[in-house]
PDB file of N, CA and C in Angstrom:
ATOM      1  N   UNK A   1       0.811  -1.190   0.000  1.00  0.00           N
ATOM      2  CA  UNK A   1       0.000   0.000   0.000  1.00  0.00           C
ATOM      3  C   UNK A   1       0.859   1.261   0.000  1.00  0.00           C
ATOM      4  N   UNK A   2       1.972   1.243   0.772  1.00  0.00           N
ATOM      5  CA  UNK A   2       2.843   2.409   0.824  1.00  0.00           C
ATOM      6  C   UNK A   2       3.473   2.707  -0.522  1.00  0.00           C
ATOM      7  N   UNK A   3       3.804   1.659  -1.265  1.00  0.00           N
ATOM      8  CA  UNK A   3       4.423   1.844  -2.577  1.00  0.00           C
ATOM      9  C   UNK A   3       3.439   2.520  -3.530  1.00  0.00           C
ATOM     10  N   UNK A   4       2.197   2.099  -3.507  1.00  0.00           N
ATOM     11  CA  UNK A   4       1.167   2.702  -4.370  1.00  0.00           C
ATOM     12  C   UNK A   4       0.967   4.167  -3.994  1.00  0.00           C
ATOM     13  N   UNK A   5       0.937   4.460  -2.696  1.00  0.00           N
ATOM     14  CA  UNK A   5       0.762   5.832  -2.225  1.00  0.00           C
ATOM     15  C   UNK A   5       1.931   6.709  -2.677  1.00  0.00           C
ATOM     16  N   UNK A   6       3.152   6.199  -2.550  1.00  0.00           N
ATOM     17  CA  UNK A   6       4.328   6.945  -2.975  1.00  0.00           C
ATOM     18  C   UNK A   6       4.324   7.181  -4.483  1.00  0.00           C
ATOM     19  N   UNK A   7       3.947   6.163  -5.238  1.00  0.00           N
ATOM     20  CA  UNK A   7       3.879   6.290  -6.688  1.00  0.00           C
ATOM     21  C   UNK A   7       2.825   7.322  -7.088  1.00  0.00           C
ATOM     22  N   UNK A   8       1.684   7.274  -6.436  1.00  0.00           N
ATOM     23  CA  UNK A   8       0.620   8.226  -6.721  1.00  0.00           C
ATOM     24  C   UNK A   8       1.084   9.655  -6.428  1.00  0.00           C
ATOM     25  N   UNK A   9       1.752   9.877  -5.314  1.00  0.00           N
ATOM     26  CA  UNK A   9       2.256  11.208  -4.979  1.00  0.00           C
ATOM     27  C   UNK A   9       3.299  11.685  -5.990  1.00  0.00           C
ATOM     28  N   UNK A  10       4.175  10.778  -6.419  1.00  0.00           N
ATOM     29  CA  UNK A  10       5.190  11.130  -7.397  1.00  0.00           C
ATOM     30  C   UNK A  10       4.535  11.540  -8.725  1.00  0.00           C
ATOM     31  N   UNK A  11       3.549  10.780  -9.174  1.00  0.00           N
ATOM     32  CA  UNK A  11       2.849  11.089 -10.430  1.00  0.00           C
ATOM     33  C   UNK A  11       2.147  12.439 -10.322  1.00  0.00           C
ATOM     34  N   UNK A  12       1.494  12.717  -9.195  1.00  0.00           N
ATOM     35  CA  UNK A  12       0.818  14.001  -9.007  1.00  0.00           C
ATOM     36  C   UNK A  12       1.805  15.161  -9.028  1.00  0.00           C
ATOM     37  N   UNK A  13       2.967  14.988  -8.427  1.00  0.00           N
ATOM     38  CA  UNK A  13       3.988  16.037  -8.445  1.00  0.00           C
ATOM     39  C   UNK A  13       4.449  16.317  -9.871  1.00  0.00           C
ATOM     40  N   UNK A  14       4.679  15.245 -10.636  1.00  0.00           N
ATOM     41  CA  UNK A  14       5.108  15.419 -12.019  1.00  0.00           C
ATOM     42  C   UNK A  14       4.030  16.126 -12.827  1.00  0.00           C
ATOM     43  N   UNK A  15       2.792  15.738 -12.610  1.00  0.00           N
ATOM     44  CA  UNK A  15       1.673  16.346 -13.333  1.00  0.00           C
ATOM     45  C   UNK A  15       1.590  17.827 -13.001  1.00  0.00           C
ATOM     46  N   UNK A  16       1.655  18.173 -11.710  1.00  0.00           N
ATOM     47  CA  UNK A  16       1.569  19.575 -11.297  1.00  0.00           C
ATOM     48  C   UNK A  16       2.707  20.389 -11.889  1.00  0.00           C
ATOM     49  N   UNK A  17       3.920  19.818 -11.931  1.00  0.00           N
ATOM     50  CA  UNK A  17       5.066  20.548 -12.458  1.00  0.00           C
ATOM     51  C   UNK A  17       4.922  20.791 -13.961  1.00  0.00           C
ATOM     52  N   UNK A  18       4.651  19.750 -14.716  1.00  0.00           N
ATOM     53  CA  UNK A  18       4.633  19.900 -16.165  1.00  0.00           C
ATOM     54  C   UNK A  18       3.396  20.608 -16.698  1.00  0.00           C
ATOM     55  N   UNK A  19       2.327  20.665 -15.923  1.00  0.00           N
ATOM     56  CA  UNK A  19       1.124  21.337 -16.390  1.00  0.00           C
ATOM     57  C   UNK A  19       0.833  22.618 -15.630  1.00  0.00           C
ATOM     58  N   UNK A  20       1.760  23.046 -14.768  1.00  0.00           N
ATOM     59  CA  UNK A  20       1.591  24.333 -14.111  1.00  0.00           C
ATOM     60  C   UNK A  20       1.893  25.431 -15.131  1.00  0.00           C
ATOM     61  N   UNK A  21       1.366  26.625 -14.869  1.00  0.00           N
ATOM     62  CA  UNK A  21       1.588  27.687 -15.845  1.00  0.00           C
ATOM     63  C   UNK A  21       3.030  28.124 -15.845  1.00  0.00           C
ATOM     64  N   UNK A  22       3.480  28.544 -17.013  1.00  0.00           N
ATOM     65  CA  UNK A  22       4.879  28.901 -17.200  1.00  0.00           C
ATOM     66  C   UNK A  22       5.070  30.403 -17.025  1.00  0.00           C
ATOM     67  N   UNK A  23       6.138  30.744 -16.315  1.00  0.00           N
ATOM     68  CA  UNK A  23       6.557  32.133 -16.216  1.00  0.00           C
ATOM     69  C   UNK A  23       7.405  32.483 -17.429  1.00  0.00           C
ATOM     70  N   UNK A  24       7.208  33.669 -17.943  1.00  0.00           N
ATOM     71  CA  UNK A  24       8.129  34.251 -18.916  1.00  0.00           C
ATOM     72  C   UNK A  24       8.923  35.290 -18.138  1.00  0.00           C
ATOM     73  N   UNK A  25       9.917  35.870 -18.734  1.00  0.00           N
ATOM     74  CA  UNK A  25      10.709  36.868 -18.032  1.00  0.00           C
ATOM     75  C   UNK A  25      11.005  38.040 -18.951  1.00  0.00           C
ATOM     76  N   UNK A  26      11.306  39.164 -18.302  1.00  0.00           N
ATOM     77  CA  UNK A  26      11.627  40.371 -19.047  1.00  0.00           C
ATOM     78  C   UNK A  26      12.558  41.230 -18.194  1.00  0.00           C
ATOM     79  N   UNK A  27      13.536  41.844 -18.807  1.00  0.00           N
ATOM     80  CA  UNK A  27      14.453  42.754 -18.130  1.00  0.00           C
ATOM     81  C   UNK A  27      13.857  44.157 -18.187  1.00  0.00           C
ATOM     82  N   UNK A  28      13.711  44.809 -17.016  1.00  0.00           N
ATOM     83  CA  UNK A  28      13.123  46.147 -16.948  1.00  0.00           C
ATOM     84  C   UNK A  28      13.953  47.032 -16.030  1.00  0.00           C
ATOM     85  N   UNK A  29      13.771  48.357 -16.168  1.00  0.00           N
ATOM     86  CA  UNK A  29      14.436  49.303 -15.279  1.00  0.00           C
ATOM     87  C   UNK A  29      13.550  49.639 -14.075  1.00  0.00           C
ATOM     88  N   UNK A  30      12.247  49.681 -14.286  1.00  0.00           N
ATOM     89  CA  UNK A  30      11.288  50.007 -13.233  1.00  0.00           C
ATOM     90  C   UNK A  30      10.088  49.075 -13.341  1.00  0.00           C
ATOM     91  N   UNK A  31       9.383  48.923 -12.217  1.00  0.00           N
ATOM     92  CA  UNK A  31       8.155  48.126 -12.238  1.00  0.00           C
ATOM     93  C   UNK A  31       7.050  48.888 -12.947  1.00  0.00           C
ATOM     94  N   UNK A  32       6.274  48.233 -13.782  1.00  0.00           N
ATOM     95  CA  UNK A  32       5.142  48.904 -14.419  1.00  0.00           C
ATOM     96  C   UNK A  32       4.020  49.115 -13.404  1.00  0.00           C
ATOM     97  N   UNK A  33       3.096  50.026 -13.713  1.00  0.00           N
ATOM     98  CA  UNK A  33       1.950  50.267 -12.827  1.00  0.00           C
ATOM     99  C   UNK A  33       1.062  49.037 -12.717  1.00  0.00           C
ATOM    100  N   UNK A  34       0.894  48.342 -13.831  1.00  0.00           N
ATOM    101  CA  UNK A  34       0.055  47.137 -13.850  1.00  0.00           C
ATOM    102  C   UNK A  34       0.970  45.930 -14.066  1.00  0.00           C
ATOM    103  N   UNK A  35       1.164  45.160 -13.007  1.00  0.00           N
ATOM    104  CA  UNK A  35       2.062  44.002 -13.069  1.00  0.00           C
ATOM    105  C   UNK A  35       1.441  42.920 -13.953  1.00  0.00           C
ATOM    106  N   UNK A  36       2.177  42.442 -14.965  1.00  0.00           N
ATOM    107  CA  UNK A  36       1.628  41.402 -15.851  1.00  0.00           C
ATOM    108  C   UNK A  36       1.539  40.042 -15.156  1.00  0.00           C
ATOM    109  N   UNK A  37       0.596  39.228 -15.594  1.00  0.00           N
ATOM    110  CA  UNK A  37       0.433  37.864 -15.091  1.00  0.00           C
ATOM    111  C   UNK A  37       1.510  36.974 -15.705  1.00  0.00           C
ATOM    112  N   UNK A  38       1.908  35.959 -14.974  1.00  0.00           N
ATOM    113  CA  UNK A  38       2.826  34.924 -15.466  1.00  0.00           C
ATOM    114  C   UNK A  38       4.127  35.496 -16.018  1.00  0.00           C
ATOM    115  N   UNK A  39       4.596  36.589 -15.409  1.00  0.00           N
ATOM    116  CA  UNK A  39       5.801  37.251 -15.885  1.00  0.00           C
ATOM    117  C   UNK A  39       6.703  37.556 -14.700  1.00  0.00           C
ATOM    118  N   UNK A  40       7.970  37.178 -14.815  1.00  0.00           N
ATOM    119  CA  UNK A  40       8.969  37.546 -13.825  1.00  0.00           C
ATOM    120  C   UNK A  40       9.746  38.718 -14.405  1.00  0.00           C
ATOM    121  N   UNK A  41       9.738  39.822 -13.682  1.00  0.00           N
ATOM    122  CA  UNK A  41      10.473  40.991 -14.125  1.00  0.00           C
ATOM    123  C   UNK A  41      11.835  41.010 -13.443  1.00  0.00           C
ATOM    124  N   UNK A  42      12.873  41.084 -14.229  1.00  0.00           N
ATOM    125  CA  UNK A  42      14.236  41.185 -13.733  1.00  0.00           C
ATOM    126  C   UNK A  42      14.564  42.676 -13.722  1.00  0.00           C
ATOM    127  N   UNK A  43      14.713  43.240 -12.527  1.00  0.00           N
ATOM    128  CA  UNK A  43      14.870  44.684 -12.391  1.00  0.00           C
ATOM    129  C   UNK A  43      16.350  45.026 -12.290  1.00  0.00           C
ATOM    130  N   UNK A  44      16.791  45.890 -13.202  1.00  0.00           N
ATOM    131  CA  UNK A  44      18.195  46.304 -13.230  1.00  0.00           C
ATOM    132  C   UNK A  44      18.255  47.780 -13.578  1.00  0.00           C
ATOM    133  N   UNK A  45      18.783  48.594 -12.664  1.00  0.00           N
ATOM    134  CA  UNK A  45      18.947  50.018 -12.951  1.00  0.00           C
ATOM    135  C   UNK A  45      20.227  50.277 -13.737  1.00  0.00           C
ATOM    136  N   UNK A  46      21.229  49.447 -13.525  1.00  0.00           N
ATOM    137  CA  UNK A  46      22.477  49.562 -14.276  1.00  0.00           C
ATOM    138  C   UNK A  46      22.680  48.287 -15.072  1.00  0.00           C
ATOM    139  N   UNK A  47      23.894  47.767 -15.007  1.00  0.00           N
ATOM    140  CA  UNK A  47      24.203  46.533 -15.722  1.00  0.00           C
ATOM    141  C   UNK A  47      23.904  45.289 -14.895  1.00  0.00           C
ATOM    142  N   UNK A  48      23.868  45.446 -13.583  1.00  0.00           N
ATOM    143  CA  UNK A  48      23.687  44.302 -12.683  1.00  0.00           C
ATOM    144  C   UNK A  48      22.241  44.238 -12.179  1.00  0.00           C
ATOM    145  N   UNK A  49      21.490  43.169 -12.457  1.00  0.00           N
ATOM    146  CA  UNK A  49      20.140  43.030 -11.908  1.00  0.00           C
ATOM    147  C   UNK A  49      20.178  43.001 -10.383  1.00  0.00           C
ATOM    148  N   UNK A  50      19.217  43.698  -9.744  1.00  0.00           N
ATOM    149  CA  UNK A  50      19.209  43.732  -8.286  1.00  0.00           C
ATOM    150  C   UNK A  50      18.007  43.052  -7.653  1.00  0.00           C
ATOM    151  N   UNK A  51      16.953  42.793  -8.426  1.00  0.00           N
ATOM    152  CA  UNK A  51      15.794  42.100  -7.841  1.00  0.00           C
ATOM    153  C   UNK A  51      14.921  41.477  -8.924  1.00  0.00           C
ATOM    154  N   UNK A  52      14.067  40.570  -8.465  1.00  0.00           N
ATOM    155  CA  UNK A  52      13.040  39.951  -9.306  1.00  0.00           C
ATOM    156  C   UNK A  52      11.694  40.329  -8.713  1.00  0.00           C
ATOM    157  N   UNK A  53      10.690  40.490  -9.550  1.00  0.00           N
ATOM    158  CA  UNK A  53       9.340  40.773  -9.072  1.00  0.00           C
ATOM    159  C   UNK A  53       8.345  40.001  -9.928  1.00  0.00           C
ATOM    160  N   UNK A  54       7.329  39.436  -9.266  1.00  0.00           N
ATOM    161  CA  UNK A  54       6.286  38.707  -9.975  1.00  0.00           C
ATOM    162  C   UNK A  54       5.087  38.525  -9.055  1.00  0.00           C
ATOM    163  N   UNK A  55       3.945  38.190  -9.651  1.00  0.00           N
ATOM    164  CA  UNK A  55       2.740  37.905  -8.866  1.00  0.00           C
ATOM    165  C   UNK A  55       2.814  36.478  -8.351  1.00  0.00           C
ATOM    166  N   UNK A  56       2.321  36.275  -7.151  1.00  0.00           N
ATOM    167  CA  UNK A  56       2.318  34.941  -6.553  1.00  0.00           C
ATOM    168  C   UNK A  56       1.542  33.972  -7.450  1.00  0.00           C
ATOM    169  N   UNK A  57       2.104  32.812  -7.741  1.00  0.00           N
ATOM    170  CA  UNK A  57       1.445  31.866  -8.639  1.00  0.00           C
ATOM    171  C   UNK A  57       0.222  31.166  -8.040  1.00  0.00           C
ATOM    172  N   UNK A  58      -0.034  31.329  -6.733  1.00  0.00           N
ATOM    173  CA  UNK A  58      -1.186  30.660  -6.126  1.00  0.00           C
ATOM    174  C   UNK A  58      -2.504  31.322  -6.523  1.00  0.00           C
ATOM    175  N   UNK A  59      -2.421  32.547  -7.045  1.00  0.00           N
ATOM    176  CA  UNK A  59      -3.635  33.241  -7.449  1.00  0.00           C
ATOM    177  C   UNK A  59      -4.045  34.348  -6.494  1.00  0.00           C
ATOM    178  N   UNK A  60      -3.316  34.533  -5.399  1.00  0.00           N
ATOM    179  CA  UNK A  60      -3.676  35.579  -4.431  1.00  0.00           C
ATOM    180  C   UNK A  60      -3.301  36.975  -4.940  1.00  0.00           C
ATOM    181  N   UNK A  61      -2.543  37.046  -6.035  1.00  0.00           N
ATOM    182  CA  UNK A  61      -2.108  38.288  -6.681  1.00  0.00           C
ATOM    183  C   UNK A  61      -1.175  39.150  -5.841  1.00  0.00           C
ATOM    184  N   UNK A  62      -0.587  38.593  -4.792  1.00  0.00           N
ATOM    185  CA  UNK A  62       0.398  39.339  -4.011  1.00  0.00           C
ATOM    186  C   UNK A  62       1.651  39.522  -4.854  1.00  0.00           C
ATOM    187  N   UNK A  63       2.262  40.688  -4.740  1.00  0.00           N
ATOM    188  CA  UNK A  63       3.494  40.955  -5.464  1.00  0.00           C
ATOM    189  C   UNK A  63       4.670  40.440  -4.647  1.00  0.00           C
ATOM    190  N   UNK A  64       5.512  39.620  -5.267  1.00  0.00           N
ATOM    191  CA  UNK A  64       6.679  39.040  -4.605  1.00  0.00           C
ATOM    192  C   UNK A  64       7.932  39.704  -5.161  1.00  0.00           C
ATOM    193  N   UNK A  65       8.759  40.210  -4.256  1.00  0.00           N
ATOM    194  CA  UNK A  65      10.060  40.771  -4.609  1.00  0.00           C
ATOM    195  C   UNK A  65      11.137  39.841  -4.067  1.00  0.00           C
ATOM    196  N   UNK A  66      12.130  39.541  -4.887  1.00  0.00           N
ATOM    197  CA  UNK A  66      13.256  38.720  -4.446  1.00  0.00           C
ATOM    198  C   UNK A  66      14.550  39.495  -4.666  1.00  0.00           C
ATOM    199  N   UNK A  67      15.362  39.583  -3.626  1.00  0.00           N
ATOM    200  CA  UNK A  67      16.646  40.261  -3.676  1.00  0.00           C
ATOM    201  C   UNK A  67      17.668  39.414  -4.436  1.00  0.00           C
ATOM    202  N   UNK A  68      18.430  40.053  -5.322  1.00  0.00           N
ATOM    203  CA  UNK A  68      19.499  39.368  -6.047  1.00  0.00           C
ATOM    204  C   UNK A  68      20.884  39.819  -5.606  1.00  0.00           C
ATOM    205  N   UNK A  69      20.944  40.827  -4.733  1.00  0.00           N
ATOM    206  CA  UNK A  69      22.231  41.358  -4.293  1.00  0.00           C
ATOM    207  C   UNK A  69      22.829  40.459  -3.226  1.00  0.00           C
ATOM    208  N   UNK A  70      24.049  40.018  -3.450  1.00  0.00           N
ATOM    209  CA  UNK A  70      24.669  39.040  -2.547  1.00  0.00           C
ATOM    210  C   UNK A  70      25.073  39.623  -1.201  1.00  0.00           C
ATOM    211  N   UNK A  71      25.186  40.946  -1.086  1.00  0.00           N
ATOM    212  CA  UNK A  71      25.578  41.543   0.183  1.00  0.00           C
ATOM    213  C   UNK A  71      24.397  41.760   1.135  1.00  0.00           C
ATOM    214  N   UNK A  72      23.175  41.461   0.695  1.00  0.00           N
ATOM    215  CA  UNK A  72      21.986  41.562   1.549  1.00  0.00           C
ATOM    216  C   UNK A  72      21.331  40.188   1.629  1.00  0.00           C
ATOM    217  N   UNK A  73      20.778  39.883   2.774  1.00  0.00           N
ATOM    218  CA  UNK A  73      20.146  38.577   2.990  1.00  0.00           C
ATOM    219  C   UNK A  73      18.665  38.762   3.264  1.00  0.00           C
ATOM    220  N   UNK A  74      17.804  37.862   2.864  1.00  0.00           N
ATOM    221  CA  UNK A  74      18.060  36.675   2.035  1.00  0.00           C
ATOM    222  C   UNK A  74      18.334  37.068   0.585  1.00  0.00           C
ATOM    223  N   UNK A  75      18.964  36.180  -0.117  1.00  0.00           N
ATOM    224  CA  UNK A  75      19.381  36.441  -1.492  1.00  0.00           C
ATOM    225  C   UNK A  75      19.020  35.251  -2.378  1.00  0.00           C
ATOM    226  N   UNK A  76      18.521  35.537  -3.564  1.00  0.00           N
ATOM    227  CA  UNK A  76      18.182  34.498  -4.529  1.00  0.00           C
ATOM    228  C   UNK A  76      19.083  34.650  -5.746  1.00  0.00           C
ATOM    229  N   UNK A  77      19.113  33.618  -6.546  1.00  0.00           N
ATOM    230  CA  UNK A  77      19.833  33.620  -7.818  1.00  0.00           C
ATOM    231  C   UNK A  77      18.858  33.188  -8.893  1.00  0.00           C
ATOM    232  N   UNK A  78      19.097  33.635 -10.084  1.00  0.00           N
ATOM    233  CA  UNK A  78      18.300  33.155 -11.211  1.00  0.00           C
ATOM    234  C   UNK A  78      19.242  32.782 -12.332  1.00  0.00           C
ATOM    235  N   UNK A  79      18.738  31.938 -13.200  1.00  0.00           N
ATOM    236  CA  UNK A  79      19.495  31.600 -14.403  1.00  0.00           C
ATOM    237  C   UNK A  79      18.510  31.375 -15.534  1.00  0.00           C
ATOM    238  N   UNK A  80      18.973  31.623 -16.712  1.00  0.00           N
ATOM    239  CA  UNK A  80      18.173  31.375 -17.908  1.00  0.00           C
ATOM    240  C   UNK A  80      18.692  30.076 -18.501  1.00  0.00           C
ATOM    241  N   UNK A  81      17.806  29.102 -18.640  1.00  0.00           N
ATOM    242  CA  UNK A  81      18.200  27.787 -19.132  1.00  0.00           C
ATOM    243  C   UNK A  81      18.502  27.841 -20.630  1.00  0.00           C
ATOM    244  N   UNK A  82      19.157  26.830 -21.172  1.00  0.00           N
ATOM    245  CA  UNK A  82      19.425  26.798 -22.620  1.00  0.00           C
ATOM    246  C   UNK A  82      18.140  26.865 -23.466  1.00  0.00           C
ATOM    247  N   UNK A  83      17.017  26.455 -22.876  1.00  0.00           N
ATOM    248  CA  UNK A  83      15.739  26.517 -23.597  1.00  0.00           C
ATOM    249  C   UNK A  83      15.093  27.899 -23.495  1.00  0.00           C
ATOM    250  N   UNK A  84      15.761  28.836 -22.811  1.00  0.00           N
ATOM    251  CA  UNK A  84      15.225  30.189 -22.695  1.00  0.00           C
ATOM    252  C   UNK A  84      14.205  30.345 -21.578  1.00  0.00           C
ATOM    253  N   UNK A  85      14.226  29.451 -20.610  1.00  0.00           N
ATOM    254  CA  UNK A  85      13.295  29.527 -19.475  1.00  0.00           C
ATOM    255  C   UNK A  85      14.052  29.988 -18.238  1.00  0.00           C
ATOM    256  N   UNK A  86      13.343  30.591 -17.298  1.00  0.00           N
ATOM    257  CA  UNK A  86      13.972  31.104 -16.085  1.00  0.00           C
ATOM    258  C   UNK A  86      13.822  30.114 -14.934  1.00  0.00           C
ATOM    259  N   UNK A  87      14.891  29.969 -14.165  1.00  0.00           N
ATOM    260  CA  UNK A  87      14.883  29.171 -12.939  1.00  0.00           C
ATOM    261  C   UNK A  87      15.387  30.059 -11.815  1.00  0.00           C
ATOM    262  N   UNK A  88      14.770  29.921 -10.626  1.00  0.00           N
ATOM    263  CA  UNK A  88      15.123  30.734  -9.466  1.00  0.00           C
ATOM    264  C   UNK A  88      15.464  29.795  -8.316  1.00  0.00           C
ATOM    265  N   UNK A  89      16.523  30.133  -7.578  1.00  0.00           N
ATOM    266  CA  UNK A  89      16.869  29.323  -6.407  1.00  0.00           C
ATOM    267  C   UNK A  89      17.359  30.239  -5.304  1.00  0.00           C
ATOM    268  N   UNK A  90      17.190  29.866  -4.057  1.00  0.00           N
ATOM    269  CA  UNK A  90      16.501  28.679  -3.560  1.00  0.00           C
ATOM    270  C   UNK A  90      14.983  28.850  -3.680  1.00  0.00           C
ATOM    271  N   UNK A  91      14.239  28.044  -2.946  1.00  0.00           N
ATOM    272  CA  UNK A  91      12.785  28.102  -3.021  1.00  0.00           C
ATOM    273  C   UNK A  91      12.258  29.436  -2.488  1.00  0.00           C
ATOM    274  N   UNK A  92      11.031  29.747  -2.859  1.00  0.00           N
ATOM    275  CA  UNK A  92      10.357  30.961  -2.405  1.00  0.00           C
ATOM    276  C   UNK A  92       9.291  30.534  -1.404  1.00  0.00           C
ATOM    277  N   UNK A  93       9.357  31.104  -0.204  1.00  0.00           N
ATOM    278  CA  UNK A  93       8.387  30.762   0.835  1.00  0.00           C
ATOM    279  C   UNK A  93       7.823  32.054   1.413  1.00  0.00           C
ATOM    280  N   UNK A  94       6.528  32.267   1.195  1.00  0.00           N
ATOM    281  CA  UNK A  94       5.863  33.452   1.747  1.00  0.00           C
ATOM    282  C   UNK A  94       5.547  33.201   3.219  1.00  0.00           C
ATOM    283  N   UNK A  95       5.943  34.123   4.066  1.00  0.00           N
ATOM    284  CA  UNK A  95       5.696  33.980   5.503  1.00  0.00           C
ATOM    285  C   UNK A  95       4.403  34.647   5.932  1.00  0.00           C
ATOM    286  N   UNK A  96       3.820  35.456   5.070  1.00  0.00           N
ATOM    287  CA  UNK A  96       2.535  36.103   5.352  1.00  0.00           C
ATOM    288  C   UNK A  96       1.576  35.807   4.206  1.00  0.00           C
ATOM    289  N   UNK A  97       0.346  36.221   4.365  1.00  0.00           N
ATOM    290  CA  UNK A  97      -0.638  36.037   3.298  1.00  0.00           C
ATOM    291  C   UNK A  97      -0.948  34.575   3.045  1.00  0.00           C
ATOM    292  N   UNK A  98      -0.786  34.127   1.816  1.00  0.00           N
ATOM    293  CA  UNK A  98      -1.151  32.763   1.412  1.00  0.00           C
ATOM    294  C   UNK A  98      -0.184  31.695   1.928  1.00  0.00           C
ATOM    295  N   UNK A  99       1.013  32.101   2.367  1.00  0.00           N
ATOM    296  CA  UNK A  99       2.044  31.190   2.882  1.00  0.00           C
ATOM    297  C   UNK A  99       2.478  30.131   1.861  1.00  0.00           C
ATOM    298  N   UNK A 100       2.435  30.482   0.595  1.00  0.00           N
ATOM    299  CA  UNK A 100       2.874  29.562  -0.461  1.00  0.00           C
ATOM    300  C   UNK A 100       4.356  29.245  -0.328  1.00  0.00           C
ATOM    301  N   UNK A 101       4.726  28.050  -0.758  1.00  0.00           N
ATOM    302  CA  UNK A 101       6.118  27.614  -0.768  1.00  0.00           C
ATOM    303  C   UNK A 101       6.337  26.870  -2.083  1.00  0.00           C
ATOM    304  N   UNK A 102       7.277  27.354  -2.892  1.00  0.00           N
ATOM    305  CA  UNK A 102       7.452  26.785  -4.226  1.00  0.00           C
ATOM    306  C   UNK A 102       8.835  27.087  -4.770  1.00  0.00           C
ATOM    307  N   UNK A 103       9.219  26.353  -5.786  1.00  0.00           N
ATOM    308  CA  UNK A 103      10.401  26.613  -6.591  1.00  0.00           C
ATOM    309  C   UNK A 103       9.922  27.112  -7.947  1.00  0.00           C
ATOM    310  N   UNK A 104      10.775  27.822  -8.643  1.00  0.00           N
ATOM    311  CA  UNK A 104      10.528  28.136 -10.049  1.00  0.00           C
ATOM    312  C   UNK A 104      11.646  27.455 -10.815  1.00  0.00           C
ATOM    313  N   UNK A 105      11.264  26.453 -11.568  1.00  0.00           N
ATOM    314  CA  UNK A 105      12.217  25.648 -12.343  1.00  0.00           C
ATOM    315  C   UNK A 105      11.788  25.637 -13.791  1.00  0.00           C
ATOM    316  N   UNK A 106      12.689  26.079 -14.644  1.00  0.00           N
ATOM    317  CA  UNK A 106      12.412  26.144 -16.086  1.00  0.00           C
ATOM    318  C   UNK A 106      11.085  26.837 -16.364  1.00  0.00           C
ATOM    319  N   UNK A 107      10.839  27.928 -15.640  1.00  0.00           N
ATOM    320  CA  UNK A 107       9.640  28.722 -15.854  1.00  0.00           C
ATOM    321  C   UNK A 107       8.381  28.190 -15.199  1.00  0.00           C
ATOM    322  N   UNK A 108       8.452  27.011 -14.594  1.00  0.00           N
ATOM    323  CA  UNK A 108       7.268  26.389 -13.992  1.00  0.00           C
ATOM    324  C   UNK A 108       7.315  26.467 -12.478  1.00  0.00           C
ATOM    325  N   UNK A 109       6.133  26.482 -11.885  1.00  0.00           N
ATOM    326  CA  UNK A 109       6.016  26.475 -10.439  1.00  0.00           C
ATOM    327  C   UNK A 109       6.025  25.039  -9.946  1.00  0.00           C
ATOM    328  N   UNK A 110       6.958  24.727  -9.071  1.00  0.00           N
ATOM    329  CA  UNK A 110       7.063  23.401  -8.461  1.00  0.00           C
ATOM    330  C   UNK A 110       6.734  23.578  -6.980  1.00  0.00           C
ATOM    331  N   UNK A 111       5.511  23.202  -6.601  1.00  0.00           N
ATOM    332  CA  UNK A 111       5.029  23.414  -5.233  1.00  0.00           C
ATOM    333  C   UNK A 111       5.696  22.464  -4.248  1.00  0.00           C
ATOM    334  N   UNK A 112       5.998  22.976  -3.065  1.00  0.00           N
ATOM    335  CA  UNK A 112       6.616  22.175  -2.008  1.00  0.00           C
ATOM    336  C   UNK A 112       5.527  21.719  -1.045  1.00  0.00           C
TER     337      UNK A 112
END
């Protein structure tokens, strides 16, 4: 029974990952007045990006800001995959509001 339960959970995780909505990304200097859906904005005033901003993927529409500067904590990193998709690490965990916890891998939301 445990094996079936584990297999079922694994299949559901794969399904959620591959069929979750995909984030696109865009490099910007300032945040727009109307934040686009399913878009991660890479904010850079100069040559070095300093933060990421996007709407929470759970649907609560909260705006999430992630610091990219290594001298301030907490700090995240992003990379653009060879397929042109964005990945963010480590995981994103909201401590207020919806309390969502997720990774962004290859543009997809991977819920924890």
